[in-house]
C-alpha atoms as a PDB file:
ATOM      1  CA  MET A   1      12.236  63.130 150.075  1.00  0.00           C
ATOM      2  CA  TYR A   2      13.362  66.288 151.852  1.00  0.00           C
ATOM      3  CA  LEU A   3      11.145  67.339 154.749  1.00  0.00           C
ATOM      4  CA  PRO A   4      12.082  70.729 156.237  1.00  0.00           C
ATOM      5  CA  ALA A   5      12.506  71.055 159.979  1.00  0.00           C
ATOM      6  CA  ALA A   6       9.237  71.630 161.819  1.00  0.00           C
ATOM      7  CA  SER A   7      11.090  74.091 164.086  1.00  0.00           C
ATOM      8  CA  ARG A   8      12.009  76.514 161.291  1.00  0.00           C
ATOM      9  CA  TYR A   9       9.527  79.159 162.483  1.00  0.00           C
ATOM     10  CA  ALA A  10       9.959  78.559 166.209  1.00  0.00           C
ATOM     11  CA  ASN A  11      11.477  82.014 166.767  1.00  0.00           C
ATOM     12  CA  PRO A  12       9.209  84.814 165.482  1.00  0.00           C
ATOM     13  CA  ALA A  13      11.919  87.353 166.381  1.00  0.00           C
ATOM     14  CA  PHE A  14      14.028  85.908 163.559  1.00  0.00           C
ATOM     15  CA  PHE A  15      11.859  87.900 161.121  1.00  0.00           C
ATOM     16  CA  ARG A  16      11.717  91.675 160.621  1.00  0.00           C
ATOM     17  CA  ARG A  17       9.463  93.900 158.586  1.00  0.00           C
ATOM     18  CA  CYS A  18      11.289  95.325 155.562  1.00  0.00           C
ATOM     19  CA  GLY A  19      11.101  99.114 155.669  1.00  0.00           C
ATOM     20  CA  ARG A  20       7.498 100.313 155.678  1.00  0.00           C
ATOM     21  CA  SER A  21       6.262  97.335 153.667  1.00  0.00           C
ATOM     22  CA  GLY A  22       4.176  94.395 154.801  1.00  0.00           C
ATOM     23  CA  LEU A  23       6.937  91.917 153.941  1.00  0.00           C
ATOM     24  CA  LYS A  24       8.976  90.310 156.682  1.00  0.00           C
ATOM     25  CA  LEU A  25      12.438  88.920 155.981  1.00  0.00           C
ATOM     26  CA  PRO A  26      14.632  86.637 158.095  1.00  0.00           C
ATOM     27  CA  LEU A  27      17.540  88.255 159.917  1.00  0.00           C
ATOM     28  CA  ILE A  28      19.863  86.159 157.757  1.00  0.00           C
ATOM     29  CA  SER A  29      19.348  85.780 154.003  1.00  0.00           C
ATOM     30  CA  LEU A  30      21.321  83.410 151.777  1.00  0.00           C
ATOM     31  CA  GLY A  31      23.065  84.702 148.671  1.00  0.00           C
ATOM     32  CA  LEU A  32      23.903  82.338 145.818  1.00  0.00           C
ATOM     33  CA  TRP A  33      26.688  84.480 144.326  1.00  0.00           C
ATOM     34  CA  HIS A  34      29.402  81.872 144.890  1.00  0.00           C
ATOM     35  CA  ASN A  35      29.358  78.068 145.235  1.00  0.00           C
ATOM     36  CA  PHE A  36      26.004  77.488 143.504  1.00  0.00           C
ATOM     37  CA  GLY A  37      26.955  77.531 139.817  1.00  0.00           C
ATOM     38  CA  GLY A  38      27.462  74.850 137.220  1.00  0.00           C
ATOM     39  CA  ALA A  39      31.165  74.637 138.071  1.00  0.00           C
ATOM     40  CA  ASP A  40      30.379  73.838 141.720  1.00  0.00           C
ATOM     41  CA  SER A  41      29.134  70.735 143.520  1.00  0.00           C
ATOM     42  CA  TYR A  42      25.358  70.584 143.127  1.00  0.00           C
ATOM     43  CA  GLU A  43      24.930  68.292 146.130  1.00  0.00           C
ATOM     44  CA  ASN A  44      26.902  70.669 148.355  1.00  0.00           C
ATOM     45  CA  ALA A  45      24.822  73.622 147.153  1.00  0.00           C
ATOM     46  CA  ARG A  46      21.674  71.607 147.757  1.00  0.00           C
ATOM     47  CA  ALA A  47      22.787  70.763 151.294  1.00  0.00           C
ATOM     48  CA  ILE A  48      23.436  74.447 152.020  1.00  0.00           C
ATOM     49  CA  VAL A  49      19.991  75.487 150.793  1.00  0.00           C
ATOM     50  CA  ARG A  50      18.262  72.729 152.728  1.00  0.00           C
ATOM     51  CA  ARG A  51      20.070  73.600 155.949  1.00  0.00           C
ATOM     52  CA  ALA A  52      19.270  77.280 155.486  1.00  0.00           C
ATOM     53  CA  PHE A  53      15.549  76.585 155.118  1.00  0.00           C
ATOM     54  CA  ASP A  54      15.620  74.272 158.143  1.00  0.00           C
ATOM     55  CA  LEU A  55      16.986  77.215 160.153  1.00  0.00           C
ATOM     56  CA  GLY A  56      14.216  79.577 159.041  1.00  0.00           C
ATOM     57  CA  ILE A  57      16.152  81.296 156.262  1.00  0.00           C
ATOM     58  CA  THR A  58      13.386  81.870 153.740  1.00  0.00           C
ATOM     59  CA  HIS A  59      15.056  84.493 151.539  1.00  0.00           C
ATOM     60  CA  PHE A  60      17.306  83.291 148.707  1.00  0.00           C
ATOM     61  CA  ASP A  61      19.089  85.918 146.637  1.00  0.00           C
ATOM     62  CA  LEU A  62      20.275  85.388 143.049  1.00  0.00           C
ATOM     63  CA  ALA A  63      21.189  87.372 139.935  1.00  0.00           C
ATOM     64  CA  ASN A  64      21.071  86.614 136.240  1.00  0.00           C
ATOM     65  CA  ASN A  65      24.862  86.330 135.983  1.00  0.00           C
ATOM     66  CA  TYR A  66      25.556  84.201 139.063  1.00  0.00           C
ATOM     67  CA  GLY A  67      27.487  81.042 138.280  1.00  0.00           C
ATOM     68  CA  PRO A  68      29.852  80.273 136.714  1.00  0.00           C
ATOM     69  CA  PRO A  69      28.773  79.970 133.986  1.00  0.00           C
ATOM     70  CA  PRO A  70      26.350  82.915 134.079  1.00  0.00           C
ATOM     71  CA  GLY A  71      22.781  81.793 134.698  1.00  0.00           C
ATOM     72  CA  SER A  72      23.727  78.433 136.198  1.00  0.00           C
ATOM     73  CA  ALA A  73      23.002  79.433 139.815  1.00  0.00           C
ATOM     74  CA  GLU A  74      19.420  80.211 138.800  1.00  0.00           C
ATOM     75  CA  GLU A  75      19.215  76.921 136.930  1.00  0.00           C
ATOM     76  CA  ASN A  76      20.496  74.980 139.933  1.00  0.00           C
ATOM     77  CA  PHE A  77      18.183  76.749 142.348  1.00  0.00           C
ATOM     78  CA  GLY A  78      15.296  76.125 139.956  1.00  0.00           C
ATOM     79  CA  ARG A  79      16.146  72.440 140.093  1.00  0.00           C
ATOM     80  CA  MET A  80      16.009  72.562 143.904  1.00  0.00           C
ATOM     81  CA  LEU A  81      12.652  74.318 143.723  1.00  0.00           C
ATOM     82  CA  ARG A  82      11.261  71.510 141.570  1.00  0.00           C
ATOM     83  CA  THR A  83      12.510  68.763 143.863  1.00  0.00           C
ATOM     84  CA  ASP A  84      13.208  69.744 147.477  1.00  0.00           C
ATOM     85  CA  LEU A  85      11.078  72.889 147.762  1.00  0.00           C
ATOM     86  CA  VAL A  86       8.237  72.196 145.357  1.00  0.00           C
ATOM     87  CA  HIS A  87       5.593  72.405 148.103  1.00  0.00           C
ATOM     88  CA  HIS A  88       7.092  75.473 149.804  1.00  0.00           C
ATOM     89  CA  ARG A  89       7.117  78.227 147.168  1.00  0.00           C
ATOM     90  CA  ASP A  90       4.783  80.417 149.200  1.00  0.00           C
ATOM     91  CA  GLU A  91       7.156  80.211 152.163  1.00  0.00           C
ATOM     92  CA  LEU A  92      10.052  81.579 150.125  1.00  0.00           C
ATOM     93  CA  VAL A  93      11.216  85.040 149.135  1.00  0.00           C
ATOM     94  CA  ILE A  94      13.223  84.641 145.924  1.00  0.00           C
ATOM     95  CA  SER A  95      15.081  87.589 144.472  1.00  0.00           C
ATOM     96  CA  THR A  96      17.081  88.076 141.308  1.00  0.00           C
ATOM     97  CA  LYS A  97      18.827  90.974 139.583  1.00  0.00           C
ATOM     98  CA  ALA A  98      19.944  92.340 136.227  1.00  0.00           C
ATOM     99  CA  GLY A  99      22.513  94.998 135.472  1.00  0.00           C
ATOM    100  CA  TYR A 100      25.835  93.321 134.714  1.00  0.00           C
ATOM    101  CA  ASP A 101      27.030  91.784 131.456  1.00  0.00           C
ATOM    102  CA  MET A 102      24.929  88.739 130.627  1.00  0.00           C
ATOM    103  CA  TRP A 103      24.883  88.100 126.844  1.00  0.00           C
ATOM    104  CA  PRO A 104      26.759  89.413 123.786  1.00  0.00           C
ATOM    105  CA  GLY A 105      25.821  92.614 122.034  1.00  0.00           C
ATOM    106  CA  PRO A 106      24.457  95.970 123.175  1.00  0.00           C
ATOM    107  CA  TYR A 107      21.262  94.651 124.811  1.00  0.00           C
ATOM    108  CA  GLY A 108      22.702  92.389 127.517  1.00  0.00           C
ATOM    109  CA  ASP A 109      24.098  94.870 130.030  1.00  0.00           C
ATOM    110  CA  PHE A 110      23.381  97.940 132.205  1.00  0.00           C
ATOM    111  CA  GLY A 111      19.888  99.445 132.568  1.00  0.00           C
ATOM    112  CA  SER A 112      17.780  99.722 129.418  1.00  0.00           C
ATOM    113  CA  ARG A 113      14.156  98.623 129.465  1.00  0.00           C
ATOM    114  CA  LYS A 114      14.956  96.050 126.768  1.00  0.00           C
ATOM    115  CA  TYR A 115      17.725  94.446 128.790  1.00  0.00           C
ATOM    116  CA  LEU A 116      15.977  94.426 132.158  1.00  0.00           C
ATOM    117  CA  LEU A 117      12.691  92.935 130.996  1.00  0.00           C
ATOM    118  CA  ALA A 118      14.339  90.391 128.702  1.00  0.00           C
ATOM    119  CA  SER A 119      16.651  89.376 131.530  1.00  0.00           C
ATOM    120  CA  LEU A 120      13.745  88.930 133.928  1.00  0.00           C
ATOM    121  CA  ASP A 121      11.997  86.642 131.439  1.00  0.00           C
ATOM    122  CA  GLN A 122      15.180  84.582 131.077  1.00  0.00           C
ATOM    123  CA  SER A 123      15.602  84.373 134.864  1.00  0.00           C
ATOM    124  CA  LEU A 124      12.038  83.144 135.295  1.00  0.00           C
ATOM    125  CA  ARG A 125      12.637  80.412 132.716  1.00  0.00           C
ATOM    126  CA  ARG A 126      15.829  79.283 134.439  1.00  0.00           C
ATOM    127  CA  LEU A 127      14.124  79.271 137.829  1.00  0.00           C
ATOM    128  CA  GLY A 128      10.954  77.662 136.520  1.00  0.00           C
ATOM    129  CA  LEU A 129       8.803  80.350 138.144  1.00  0.00           C
ATOM    130  CA  ASP A 130       5.946  82.609 137.100  1.00  0.00           C
ATOM    131  CA  TYR A 131       7.272  85.447 139.270  1.00  0.00           C
ATOM    132  CA  VAL A 132      10.092  86.425 141.606  1.00  0.00           C
ATOM    133  CA  ASP A 133       9.421  88.168 144.879  1.00  0.00           C
ATOM    134  CA  ILE A 134      12.063  90.880 144.395  1.00  0.00           C
ATOM    135  CA  PHE A 135      13.630  92.114 141.152  1.00  0.00           C
ATOM    136  CA  TYR A 136      16.650  94.397 141.503  1.00  0.00           C
ATOM    137  CA  HIS A 137      18.547  96.671 139.215  1.00  0.00           C
ATOM    138  CA  HIS A 138      22.016  95.395 140.023  1.00  0.00           C
ATOM    139  CA  ARG A 139      24.015  98.565 139.424  1.00  0.00           C
ATOM    140  CA  PRO A 140      23.378 102.165 138.317  1.00  0.00           C
ATOM    141  CA  ASP A 141      23.696 103.090 134.655  1.00  0.00           C
ATOM    142  CA  ASN A 142      24.638 106.719 134.137  1.00  0.00           C
ATOM    143  CA  GLU A 143      24.083 106.498 130.366  1.00  0.00           C
ATOM    144  CA  THR A 144      20.437 105.412 130.583  1.00  0.00           C
ATOM    145  CA  PRO A 145      17.796 107.814 131.916  1.00  0.00           C
ATOM    146  CA  VAL A 146      16.805 106.786 135.429  1.00  0.00           C
ATOM    147  CA  GLU A 147      13.178 107.178 134.328  1.00  0.00           C
ATOM    148  CA  GLU A 148      13.658 104.357 131.795  1.00  0.00           C
ATOM    149  CA  THR A 149      15.329 102.002 134.254  1.00  0.00           C
ATOM    150  CA  MET A 150      12.833 102.629 137.046  1.00  0.00           C
ATOM    151  CA  GLY A 151       9.989 102.403 134.553  1.00  0.00           C
ATOM    152  CA  ALA A 152      11.166  98.936 133.547  1.00  0.00           C
ATOM    153  CA  LEU A 153      11.233  97.848 137.203  1.00  0.00           C
ATOM    154  CA  ALA A 154       7.736  99.232 137.700  1.00  0.00           C
ATOM    155  CA  GLN A 155       6.563  97.377 134.586  1.00  0.00           C
ATOM    156  CA  ALA A 156       7.954  94.147 136.029  1.00  0.00           C
ATOM    157  CA  VAL A 157       5.720  94.617 139.069  1.00  0.00           C
ATOM    158  CA  ARG A 158       2.649  95.634 137.081  1.00  0.00           C
ATOM    159  CA  SER A 159       3.044  92.610 134.799  1.00  0.00           C
ATOM    160  CA  GLY A 160       3.002  90.287 137.821  1.00  0.00           C
ATOM    161  CA  LYS A 161       6.512  88.989 137.100  1.00  0.00           C
ATOM    162  CA  ALA A 162       7.870  90.581 140.299  1.00  0.00           C
ATOM    163  CA  LEU A 163       6.122  91.445 143.548  1.00  0.00           C
ATOM    164  CA  TYR A 164       8.623  94.062 144.748  1.00  0.00           C
ATOM    165  CA  ILE A 165      11.593  95.945 143.351  1.00  0.00           C
ATOM    166  CA  GLY A 166      15.006  96.784 144.749  1.00  0.00           C
ATOM    167  CA  LEU A 167      18.222  98.630 144.018  1.00  0.00           C
ATOM    168  CA  SER A 168      21.790  97.426 144.437  1.00  0.00           C
ATOM    169  CA  ASN A 169      25.124  99.257 144.414  1.00  0.00           C
ATOM    170  CA  TYR A 170      23.461 102.690 144.106  1.00  0.00           C
ATOM    171  CA  ASP A 171      25.084 105.493 146.101  1.00  0.00           C
ATOM    172  CA  HIS A 172      23.136 108.067 148.105  1.00  0.00           C
ATOM    173  CA  GLU A 173      22.509 110.531 145.261  1.00  0.00           C
ATOM    174  CA  GLN A 174      21.627 107.827 142.729  1.00  0.00           C
ATOM    175  CA  THR A 175      19.261 106.244 145.237  1.00  0.00           C
ATOM    176  CA  ALA A 176      17.540 109.535 145.994  1.00  0.00           C
ATOM    177  CA  ARG A 177      16.870 110.151 142.283  1.00  0.00           C
ATOM    178  CA  ALA A 178      15.594 106.613 141.760  1.00  0.00           C
ATOM    179  CA  LEU A 179      13.258 106.797 144.767  1.00  0.00           C
ATOM    180  CA  THR A 180      11.780 110.049 143.499  1.00  0.00           C
ATOM    181  CA  VAL A 181      11.018 108.508 140.109  1.00  0.00           C
ATOM    182  CA  LEU A 182       9.567 105.355 141.658  1.00  0.00           C
ATOM    183  CA  ARG A 183       7.358 107.415 143.931  1.00  0.00           C
ATOM    184  CA  GLY A 184       5.965 109.188 140.890  1.00  0.00           C
ATOM    185  CA  LEU A 185       5.276 105.829 139.233  1.00  0.00           C
ATOM    186  CA  GLY A 186       3.392 104.598 142.281  1.00  0.00           C
ATOM    187  CA  VAL A 187       5.688 101.593 142.732  1.00  0.00           C
ATOM    188  CA  PRO A 188       7.802 101.995 145.887  1.00  0.00           C
ATOM    189  CA  CYS A 189      11.268 100.551 146.320  1.00  0.00           C
ATOM    190  CA  LEU A 190      11.210  97.748 148.881  1.00  0.00           C
ATOM    191  CA  ILE A 191      14.904  97.251 149.569  1.00  0.00           C
ATOM    192  CA  HIS A 192      18.444  98.419 148.848  1.00  0.00           C
ATOM    193  CA  GLN A 193      21.458  96.100 148.675  1.00  0.00           C
ATOM    194  CA  PRO A 194      24.793  97.882 149.293  1.00  0.00           C
ATOM    195  CA  ARG A 195      28.197  96.452 150.131  1.00  0.00           C
ATOM    196  CA  PHE A 196      28.497  97.071 153.884  1.00  0.00           C
ATOM    197  CA  SER A 197      30.453  95.580 156.772  1.00  0.00           C
ATOM    198  CA  MET A 198      32.451  96.575 159.819  1.00  0.00           C
ATOM    199  CA  LEU A 199      35.436  97.024 157.501  1.00  0.00           C
ATOM    200  CA  ASP A 200      33.516  98.847 154.747  1.00  0.00           C
ATOM    201  CA  ARG A 201      31.212 101.434 156.308  1.00  0.00           C
ATOM    202  CA  TRP A 202      30.501 103.834 153.439  1.00  0.00           C
ATOM    203  CA  PRO A 203      26.662 103.551 153.646  1.00  0.00           C
ATOM    204  CA  GLU A 204      26.520 104.958 157.176  1.00  0.00           C
ATOM    205  CA  ALA A 205      27.081 108.621 156.356  1.00  0.00           C
ATOM    206  CA  LYS A 206      24.307 109.294 153.839  1.00  0.00           C
ATOM    207  CA  LEU A 207      22.720 106.161 152.401  1.00  0.00           C
ATOM    208  CA  LEU A 208      21.357 104.621 155.612  1.00  0.00           C
ATOM    209  CA  PRO A 209      19.730 107.853 156.822  1.00  0.00           C
ATOM    210  CA  LEU A 210      18.050 108.198 153.415  1.00  0.00           C
ATOM    211  CA  LEU A 211      16.745 104.634 153.498  1.00  0.00           C
ATOM    212  CA  GLU A 212      15.462 105.067 157.049  1.00  0.00           C
ATOM    213  CA  LYS A 213      13.691 108.306 156.128  1.00  0.00           C
ATOM    214  CA  GLU A 214      12.128 106.794 152.997  1.00  0.00           C
ATOM    215  CA  GLY A 215      11.091 103.533 154.646  1.00  0.00           C
ATOM    216  CA  VAL A 216      13.299 101.354 152.436  1.00  0.00           C
ATOM    217  CA  GLY A 217      14.863  98.246 153.944  1.00  0.00           C
ATOM    218  CA  CYS A 218      18.596  97.597 153.711  1.00  0.00           C
ATOM    219  CA  ILE A 219      20.208  94.215 153.034  1.00  0.00           C
ATOM    220  CA  PRO A 220      24.028  94.513 153.202  1.00  0.00           C
ATOM    221  CA  PHE A 221      26.040  92.175 150.987  1.00  0.00           C
ATOM    222  CA  SER A 222      29.589  91.059 151.828  1.00  0.00           C
ATOM    223  CA  PRO A 223      28.724  91.567 155.528  1.00  0.00           C
ATOM    224  CA  LEU A 224      31.751  89.496 156.533  1.00  0.00           C
ATOM    225  CA  ALA A 225      34.120  91.385 154.196  1.00  0.00           C
ATOM    226  CA  LYS A 226      34.644  88.329 151.964  1.00  0.00           C
ATOM    227  CA  GLY A 227      35.559  86.188 154.948  1.00  0.00           C
ATOM    228  CA  LEU A 228      37.941  88.599 156.671  1.00  0.00           C
ATOM    229  CA  LEU A 229      35.428  89.034 159.514  1.00  0.00           C
ATOM    230  CA  THR A 230      35.679  85.367 160.455  1.00  0.00           C
ATOM    231  CA  ASN A 231      38.454  83.293 162.001  1.00  0.00           C
ATOM    232  CA  ARG A 232      39.119  81.774 158.557  1.00  0.00           C
ATOM    233  CA  TYR A 233      42.539  83.408 158.067  1.00  0.00           C
ATOM    234  CA  PHE A 234      43.960  83.384 161.596  1.00  0.00           C
ATOM    235  CA  GLN A 235      46.193  80.390 160.846  1.00  0.00           C
ATOM    236  CA  GLY A 236      47.104  81.312 157.272  1.00  0.00           C
ATOM    237  CA  ILE A 237      45.192  81.141 153.988  1.00  0.00           C
ATOM    238  CA  PRO A 238      43.259  77.862 153.584  1.00  0.00           C
ATOM    239  CA  ALA A 239      43.324  76.368 150.085  1.00  0.00           C
ATOM    240  CA  ASP A 240      39.511  76.291 149.916  1.00  0.00           C
ATOM    241  CA  SER A 241      39.051  79.884 151.114  1.00  0.00           C
ATOM    242  CA  ARG A 242      38.126  82.868 148.957  1.00  0.00           C
ATOM    243  CA  ALA A 243      41.695  84.205 149.055  1.00  0.00           C
ATOM    244  CA  GLY A 244      43.083  80.726 148.483  1.00  0.00           C
ATOM    245  CA  HIS A 245      41.287  79.820 145.259  1.00  0.00           C
ATOM    246  CA  ASP A 246      39.344  82.804 143.829  1.00  0.00           C
ATOM    247  CA  PRO A 247      41.581  85.891 143.522  1.00  0.00           C
ATOM    248  CA  ARG A 248      38.885  87.757 141.576  1.00  0.00           C
ATOM    249  CA  PHE A 249      37.290  88.813 144.856  1.00  0.00           C
ATOM    250  CA  LEU A 250      39.917  88.491 147.581  1.00  0.00           C
ATOM    251  CA  ARG A 251      43.630  88.225 146.905  1.00  0.00           C
ATOM    252  CA  PRO A 252      46.183  86.866 149.389  1.00  0.00           C
ATOM    253  CA  GLU A 253      47.820  90.305 149.612  1.00  0.00           C
ATOM    254  CA  HIS A 254      44.568  91.658 151.048  1.00  0.00           C
ATOM    255  CA  VAL A 255      44.973  89.410 154.094  1.00  0.00           C
ATOM    256  CA  THR A 256      47.527  91.692 155.704  1.00  0.00           C
ATOM    257  CA  ASP A 257      49.021  91.646 159.182  1.00  0.00           C
ATOM    258  CA  ALA A 258      47.256  94.945 159.893  1.00  0.00           C
ATOM    259  CA  VAL A 259      43.858  93.521 158.947  1.00  0.00           C
ATOM    260  CA  LEU A 260      44.460  90.368 160.970  1.00  0.00           C
ATOM    261  CA  ALA A 261      45.523  92.405 163.997  1.00  0.00           C
ATOM    262  CA  ARG A 262      42.175  94.205 163.918  1.00  0.00           C
ATOM    263  CA  THR A 263      40.101  91.103 163.313  1.00  0.00           C
ATOM    264  CA  ARG A 264      41.846  89.218 166.125  1.00  0.00           C
ATOM    265  CA  LYS A 265      40.912  92.042 168.507  1.00  0.00           C
ATOM    266  CA  LEU A 266      37.350  91.896 167.240  1.00  0.00           C
ATOM    267  CA  ASP A 267      37.378  88.131 167.717  1.00  0.00           C
ATOM    268  CA  ALA A 268      38.349  88.590 171.370  1.00  0.00           C
ATOM    269  CA  LEU A 269      35.419  90.971 171.841  1.00  0.00           C
ATOM    270  CA  ALA A 270      33.104  88.467 170.163  1.00  0.00           C
ATOM    271  CA  GLN A 271      34.264  85.635 172.412  1.00  0.00           C
ATOM    272  CA  ALA A 272      33.570  87.792 175.456  1.00  0.00           C
ATOM    273  CA  ARG A 273      29.994  88.120 174.146  1.00  0.00           C
ATOM    274  CA  GLY A 274      29.706  84.374 173.674  1.00  0.00           C
ATOM    275  CA  GLN A 275      29.739  84.705 169.882  1.00  0.00           C
ATOM    276  CA  THR A 276      31.979  83.875 166.981  1.00  0.00           C
ATOM    277  CA  LEU A 277      33.502  86.803 165.104  1.00  0.00           C
ATOM    278  CA  ALA A 278      31.105  86.212 162.196  1.00  0.00           C
ATOM    279  CA  GLN A 279      28.098  86.257 164.522  1.00  0.00           C
ATOM    280  CA  MET A 280      29.173  89.509 166.151  1.00  0.00           C
ATOM    281  CA  ALA A 281      29.877  91.164 162.794  1.00  0.00           C
ATOM    282  CA  LEU A 282      26.378  90.252 161.583  1.00  0.00           C
ATOM    283  CA  ALA A 283      24.722  91.287 164.854  1.00  0.00           C
ATOM    284  CA  TRP A 284      26.508  94.648 164.681  1.00  0.00           C
ATOM    285  CA  LEU A 285      25.134  95.239 161.164  1.00  0.00           C
ATOM    286  CA  LEU A 286      21.631  94.245 162.242  1.00  0.00           C
ATOM    287  CA  GLY A 287      21.772  97.062 164.766  1.00  0.00           C
ATOM    288  CA  ARG A 288      22.396  99.730 162.110  1.00  0.00           C
ATOM    289  CA  PRO A 289      19.490 101.981 161.076  1.00  0.00           C
ATOM    290  CA  ALA A 290      17.310 100.633 158.249  1.00  0.00           C
ATOM    291  CA  VAL A 291      19.069  97.241 158.140  1.00  0.00           C
ATOM    292  CA  THR A 292      16.414  94.521 157.899  1.00  0.00           C
ATOM    293  CA  THR A 293      18.512  91.463 157.074  1.00  0.00           C
ATOM    294  CA  VAL A 294      22.090  90.593 156.155  1.00  0.00           C
ATOM    295  CA  LEU A 295      23.025  88.651 153.033  1.00  0.00           C
ATOM    296  CA  ILE A 296      25.539  85.908 153.698  1.00  0.00           C
ATOM    297  CA  GLY A 297      27.376  83.566 151.387  1.00  0.00           C
ATOM    298  CA  ALA A 298      28.376  80.040 152.319  1.00  0.00           C
ATOM    299  CA  SER A 299      30.491  77.198 151.011  1.00  0.00           C
ATOM    300  CA  LYS A 300      29.244  74.608 153.522  1.00  0.00           C
ATOM    301  CA  PRO A 301      26.182  74.101 155.740  1.00  0.00           C
ATOM    302  CA  SER A 302      28.156  74.690 158.952  1.00  0.00           C
ATOM    303  CA  GLN A 303      28.808  78.283 157.872  1.00  0.00           C
ATOM    304  CA  VAL A 304      25.066  78.888 157.535  1.00  0.00           C
ATOM    305  CA  GLU A 305      24.540  77.441 161.008  1.00  0.00           C
ATOM    306  CA  ASP A 306      27.184  79.754 162.461  1.00  0.00           C
ATOM    307  CA  CYS A 307      25.704  82.843 160.809  1.00  0.00           C
ATOM    308  CA  ALA A 308      22.138  81.971 161.787  1.00  0.00           C
ATOM    309  CA  GLY A 309      23.311  81.958 165.406  1.00  0.00           C
ATOM    310  CA  ALA A 310      23.922  85.711 165.236  1.00  0.00           C
ATOM    311  CA  GLY A 311      20.277  86.305 166.085  1.00  0.00           C
ATOM    312  CA  ALA A 312      20.727  84.835 169.557  1.00  0.00           C
ATOM    313  CA  ASN A 313      22.502  87.980 170.785  1.00  0.00           C
ATOM    314  CA  LEU A 314      21.768  91.228 168.965  1.00  0.00           C
ATOM    315  CA  THR A 315      22.154  93.510 171.986  1.00  0.00           C
ATOM    316  CA  PHE A 316      25.362  95.464 172.541  1.00  0.00           C
ATOM    317  CA  THR A 317      26.285  97.395 175.647  1.00  0.00           C
ATOM    318  CA  THR A 318      27.611 100.931 175.318  1.00  0.00           C
ATOM    319  CA  GLY A 319      31.000  99.620 176.365  1.00  0.00           C
ATOM    320  CA  GLU A 320      31.020  96.898 173.731  1.00  0.00           C
ATOM    321  CA  LEU A 321      30.127  99.339 170.971  1.00  0.00           C
ATOM    322  CA  ALA A 322      32.850 101.729 172.152  1.00  0.00           C
ATOM    323  CA  ALA A 323      35.412  98.919 172.173  1.00  0.00           C
ATOM    324  CA  ILE A 324      34.429  97.886 168.628  1.00  0.00           C
ATOM    325  CA  GLU A 325      34.700 101.484 167.429  1.00  0.00           C
ATOM    326  CA  GLN A 326      38.137 101.766 168.975  1.00  0.00           C
ATOM    327  CA  VAL A 327      39.347  98.682 167.097  1.00  0.00           C
ATOM    328  CA  LEU A 328      37.785  99.793 163.808  1.00  0.00           C
ATOM    329  CA  ALA A 329      39.300 103.277 164.145  1.00  0.00           C
ATOM    330  CA  THR A 330      42.803 101.818 164.123  1.00  0.00           C
ATOM    331  CA  GLY A 331      42.566 100.825 160.440  1.00  0.00           C
END
């Protein structure tokens, strides 16, 4: 029987309040986008989840279509909930999403009320839960009125099937419209999940200031730029890496000499701080306005351990920040 580490809450500073809500999230959250589906090793996925919880990572992020096949990551995590984590549901923040293609026909995609609420019901069945903590709309839908989409999210909360709601992949203008509608419905947005990293900084100009002003937390996904902000590719492309076996998300031609030149310089700065490159990249994000937590992926428990170590040094000197900016400006 799995018994989680008694030390998992030893560091209260590992948790931050999300926006202006009462909910605290760990600095590091675990995403189950890759490596947790039916085509992957269940025992490896189980080991990753166990190690994450031992380290105080209480937030596990899913979506209806995570797999492959779609839905299987929720099914596998539901199995872990019934076995390893059955006595710890109230210690967990479990999120899921709907917005991408999930089933055939016109009702299994985008942002209609019919799709979102049906998808949430299906997710709850796969997870074996009565409710999720956070339910996201996974991407904006310009063909559905925002009032309908936000109304469906609000209904999910009012029905008790979700405690909070979030947005993902919305730009600044889309977010502003959605927040206005949600405010009118009396159901605030808890959190926003954009793609954001040292190498992909688009949220900084407009989105982050909006989230900070509105009291919405930010949880960047792909914070390590699909593995580029690690030492994973310094000696070539490993066969088990993202670029080595899953070209849907990172192709070998993306691992260029120019990118590696920048990441090697960043790695030297990280080592001077006593951190790995991944730890510094996460710590840098956690210093951005509105960022509550960062959403990592992992293919082995050791990667979770490395990322969790980012919280040991979140402070940057003015000189360190200037040196990082100089490296990033060369791209």
